C-alpha atoms as a PDB file:
ATOM      1  CA  MET A   1       0.207   0.190   0.032  1.00  0.00           C
ATOM      2  CA  THR A   2       1.351   3.255  -0.655  1.00  0.00           C
ATOM      3  CA  ASP A   3       1.860   6.228   1.466  1.00  0.00           C
ATOM      4  CA  GLN A   4      -0.773   8.227  -1.229  1.00  0.00           C
ATOM      5  CA  TYR A   5      -3.330   5.711  -0.997  1.00  0.00           C
ATOM      6  CA  LEU A   6      -3.204   5.164   2.995  1.00  0.00           C
ATOM      7  CA  SER A   7      -3.121   9.040   3.279  1.00  0.00           C
ATOM      8  CA  THR A   8      -6.590   9.423   0.751  1.00  0.00           C
ATOM      9  CA  SER A   9      -7.791   6.260   2.470  1.00  0.00           C
ATOM     10  CA  LEU A  10      -7.547   7.839   6.043  1.00  0.00           C
ATOM     11  CA  SER A  11      -9.072  11.352   4.616  1.00  0.00           C
ATOM     12  CA  ALA A  12     -11.855   9.787   3.447  1.00  0.00           C
ATOM     13  CA  ALA A  13     -12.396   7.851   6.603  1.00  0.00           C
ATOM     14  CA  HIS A  14     -12.028  10.975   8.867  1.00  0.00           C
ATOM     15  CA  SER A  15     -14.621  12.770   6.413  1.00  0.00           C
ATOM     16  CA  VAL A  16     -17.231  10.019   6.925  1.00  0.00           C
ATOM     17  CA  THR A  17     -16.971   9.857  10.399  1.00  0.00           C
ATOM     18  CA  ARG A  18     -17.193  13.737  10.747  1.00  0.00           C
ATOM     19  CA  GLY A  19     -20.326  13.400   9.005  1.00  0.00           C
ATOM     20  CA  CYS A  20     -21.624  10.678  10.924  1.00  0.00           C
ATOM     21  CA  SER A  21     -21.752  12.751  14.482  1.00  0.00           C
ATOM     22  CA  THR A  22     -25.825  12.380  14.131  1.00  0.00           C
ATOM     23  CA  PRO A  23     -26.587   9.800  11.838  1.00  0.00           C
ATOM     24  CA  THR A  24     -29.146   6.949  12.403  1.00  0.00           C
ATOM     25  CA  PRO A  25     -27.227   4.693  14.887  1.00  0.00           C
ATOM     26  CA  ALA A  26     -27.435   1.642  12.438  1.00  0.00           C
ATOM     27  CA  ILE A  27     -25.007   3.329  10.550  1.00  0.00           C
ATOM     28  CA  ARG A  28     -22.906   5.251  13.085  1.00  0.00           C
ATOM     29  CA  TRP A  29     -21.750   2.081  14.645  1.00  0.00           C
ATOM     30  CA  GLN A  30     -20.890   0.281  11.490  1.00  0.00           C
ATOM     31  CA  VAL A  31     -18.863   3.668  10.704  1.00  0.00           C
ATOM     32  CA  LEU A  32     -16.950   3.328  14.137  1.00  0.00           C
ATOM     33  CA  ARG A  33     -16.387  -0.205  13.954  1.00  0.00           C
ATOM     34  CA  ASP A  34     -15.042  -0.392  10.470  1.00  0.00           C
ATOM     35  CA  LEU A  35     -13.377   2.802   9.518  1.00  0.00           C
ATOM     36  CA  THR A  36     -12.433   4.215  13.132  1.00  0.00           C
ATOM     37  CA  ASP A  37      -9.965   2.870  15.729  1.00  0.00           C
ATOM     38  CA  ALA A  38     -12.760   3.370  17.963  1.00  0.00           C
ATOM     39  CA  PRO A  39     -12.601   1.032  21.278  1.00  0.00           C
ATOM     40  CA  ALA A  40     -15.229  -1.734  20.970  1.00  0.00           C
ATOM     41  CA  GLU A  41     -16.843  -0.719  24.069  1.00  0.00           C
ATOM     42  CA  GLU A  42     -17.506   2.555  22.044  1.00  0.00           C
ATOM     43  CA  VAL A  43     -18.694   0.212  19.333  1.00  0.00           C
ATOM     44  CA  ALA A  44     -20.877  -1.771  21.576  1.00  0.00           C
ATOM     45  CA  ALA A  45     -22.701   1.470  23.106  1.00  0.00           C
ATOM     46  CA  ASP A  46     -23.604   2.584  19.859  1.00  0.00           C
ATOM     47  CA  ARG A  47     -25.050  -0.190  18.315  1.00  0.00           C
ATOM     48  CA  ALA A  48     -26.852  -0.730  21.539  1.00  0.00           C
ATOM     49  CA  ARG A  49     -28.774   2.842  20.254  1.00  0.00           C
ATOM     50  CA  VAL A  50     -30.339   0.766  17.342  1.00  0.00           C
ATOM     51  CA  GLU A  51     -33.271  -0.200  19.076  1.00  0.00           C
ATOM     52  CA  HIS A  52     -33.810   3.525  20.442  1.00  0.00           C
ATOM     53  CA  GLY A  53     -32.998   5.622  17.032  1.00  0.00           C
ATOM     54  CA  GLY A  54     -33.284   5.727  13.588  1.00  0.00           C
ATOM     55  CA  TRP A  55     -34.366   2.924  11.682  1.00  0.00           C
ATOM     56  CA  GLY A  56     -34.366   0.430  14.211  1.00  0.00           C
ATOM     57  CA  ALA A  57     -36.621   2.346  16.675  1.00  0.00           C
ATOM     58  CA  VAL A  58     -39.258   3.011  13.368  1.00  0.00           C
ATOM     59  CA  LEU A  59     -39.068  -0.338  12.399  1.00  0.00           C
ATOM     60  CA  LEU A  60     -39.693  -1.731  15.936  1.00  0.00           C
ATOM     61  CA  ALA A  61     -42.452   0.765  16.743  1.00  0.00           C
ATOM     62  CA  ALA A  62     -44.287  -0.271  13.371  1.00  0.00           C
ATOM     63  CA  ARG A  63     -44.904  -3.989  14.982  1.00  0.00           C
ATOM     64  CA  ASP A  64     -48.058  -5.608  15.616  1.00  0.00           C
ATOM     65  CA  PRO A  65     -49.400  -6.100  19.665  1.00  0.00           C
ATOM     66  CA  ASP A  66     -48.914  -9.937  18.789  1.00  0.00           C
ATOM     67  CA  GLY A  67     -44.779  -9.292  17.651  1.00  0.00           C
ATOM     68  CA  GLU A  68     -45.861  -9.781  13.837  1.00  0.00           C
ATOM     69  CA  TRP A  69     -45.469  -7.006  11.240  1.00  0.00           C
ATOM     70  CA  THR A  70     -48.650  -6.470   9.085  1.00  0.00           C
ATOM     71  CA  GLY A  71     -50.194  -9.672   9.914  1.00  0.00           C
ATOM     72  CA  GLY A  72     -47.781 -11.934   8.278  1.00  0.00           C
ATOM     73  CA  ALA A  73     -44.382 -13.992   8.546  1.00  0.00           C
ATOM     74  CA  CYS A  74     -43.561 -14.070   4.816  1.00  0.00           C
ATOM     75  CA  LEU A  75     -46.211 -11.629   3.118  1.00  0.00           C
ATOM     76  CA  PRO A  76     -48.463  -8.918   4.597  1.00  0.00           C
ATOM     77  CA  GLY A  77     -51.928 -10.855   6.352  1.00  0.00           C
ATOM     78  CA  ARG A  78     -53.538  -7.615   6.153  1.00  0.00           C
ATOM     79  CA  GLY A  79     -53.777  -4.058   4.573  1.00  0.00           C
ATOM     80  CA  ASP A  80     -54.771  -3.098   1.010  1.00  0.00           C
ATOM     81  CA  PRO A  81     -52.943  -4.502  -1.735  1.00  0.00           C
ATOM     82  CA  PRO A  82     -50.040  -2.314  -3.340  1.00  0.00           C
ATOM     83  CA  GLN A  83     -51.083  -0.040  -6.085  1.00  0.00           C
ATOM     84  CA  GLY A  84     -49.066  -0.303  -9.176  1.00  0.00           C
ATOM     85  CA  ASP A  85     -45.636  -2.465  -9.607  1.00  0.00           C
ATOM     86  CA  GLY A  86     -44.990  -1.581  -6.030  1.00  0.00           C
ATOM     87  CA  GLN A  87     -44.613  -3.028  -2.738  1.00  0.00           C
ATOM     88  CA  PRO A  88     -45.184  -1.265   0.108  1.00  0.00           C
ATOM     89  CA  TRP A  89     -46.202  -3.309   2.520  1.00  0.00           C
ATOM     90  CA  THR A  90     -43.189  -5.317   4.886  1.00  0.00           C
ATOM     91  CA  SER A  91     -43.967  -8.482   6.727  1.00  0.00           C
ATOM     92  CA  THR A  92     -42.408  -9.858   9.963  1.00  0.00           C
ATOM     93  CA  LEU A  93     -39.523 -12.185   8.126  1.00  0.00           C
ATOM     94  CA  PRO A  94     -38.034  -8.940   6.075  1.00  0.00           C
ATOM     95  CA  VAL A  95     -38.085  -6.680   8.863  1.00  0.00           C
ATOM     96  CA  MET A  96     -36.659  -9.165  11.447  1.00  0.00           C
ATOM     97  CA  LEU A  97     -33.776  -9.766   8.669  1.00  0.00           C
ATOM     98  CA  GLU A  98     -33.587  -5.679   8.256  1.00  0.00           C
ATOM     99  CA  LEU A  99     -33.158  -5.530  11.955  1.00  0.00           C
ATOM    100  CA  ARG A 100     -30.340  -7.653  11.863  1.00  0.00           C
ATOM    101  CA  ALA A 101     -28.795  -6.059   9.170  1.00  0.00           C
ATOM    102  CA  LEU A 102     -28.800  -2.841  11.168  1.00  0.00           C
ATOM    103  CA  GLY A 103     -27.195  -4.364  14.099  1.00  0.00           C
ATOM    104  CA  LEU A 104     -30.088  -5.047  16.553  1.00  0.00           C
ATOM    105  CA  ASP A 105     -28.406  -6.776  19.531  1.00  0.00           C
ATOM    106  CA  PRO A 106     -29.436 -10.266  19.158  1.00  0.00           C
ATOM    107  CA  THR A 107     -29.053 -10.643  23.135  1.00  0.00           C
ATOM    108  CA  SER A 108     -31.167  -7.253  24.053  1.00  0.00           C
ATOM    109  CA  GLU A 109     -34.149  -7.932  25.808  1.00  0.00           C
ATOM    110  CA  THR A 110     -36.072  -5.920  23.006  1.00  0.00           C
ATOM    111  CA  ALA A 111     -34.605  -8.686  20.576  1.00  0.00           C
ATOM    112  CA  ARG A 112     -35.554 -11.525  22.792  1.00  0.00           C
ATOM    113  CA  GLU A 113     -39.411 -10.316  23.428  1.00  0.00           C
ATOM    114  CA  MET A 114     -39.762  -9.788  19.974  1.00  0.00           C
ATOM    115  CA  THR A 115     -37.905 -13.269  18.882  1.00  0.00           C
ATOM    116  CA  ALA A 116     -40.577 -14.690  21.753  1.00  0.00           C
ATOM    117  CA  ALA A 117     -43.717 -13.124  20.465  1.00  0.00           C
ATOM    118  CA  VAL A 118     -42.774 -14.059  16.678  1.00  0.00           C
ATOM    119  CA  GLU A 119     -42.109 -17.839  17.971  1.00  0.00           C
ATOM    120  CA  ALA A 120     -45.478 -17.603  19.830  1.00  0.00           C
ATOM    121  CA  ASN A 121     -47.729 -15.565  17.253  1.00  0.00           C
ATOM    122  CA  CYS A 122     -46.331 -16.123  13.744  1.00  0.00           C
ATOM    123  CA  ARG A 123     -47.612 -18.712  11.908  1.00  0.00           C
ATOM    124  CA  TRP A 124     -45.029 -20.232   8.893  1.00  0.00           C
ATOM    125  CA  ALA A 125     -46.209 -21.610   5.592  1.00  0.00           C
ATOM    126  CA  VAL A 126     -44.461 -25.154   4.992  1.00  0.00           C
END
């Protein structure tokens, strides 16, 4: 790796981290982990915020009382059909995969409660 490449890479990383002072926690913790020398404790603390802010919180707030999203496992179980070519709904499986990608800590109380509710109430077609 050349000095010029290293200098450019470090400059880009600093630019990204400066711009991440107030982004969604799902992005910030991954930037800290991948582009900085932030201590593991700082990364973990930011990751723990995923369920309380940004897209993680938005998705968790959209959950039905029974733990599902829009009443279905892989397809929405309620709501109006989409108009045109779009798919405005989402259902339980895609949301849970998205929460995982956003960094929801699987050991958090929220994640444990969510998975227990899905296990108890969600029916998967076989």
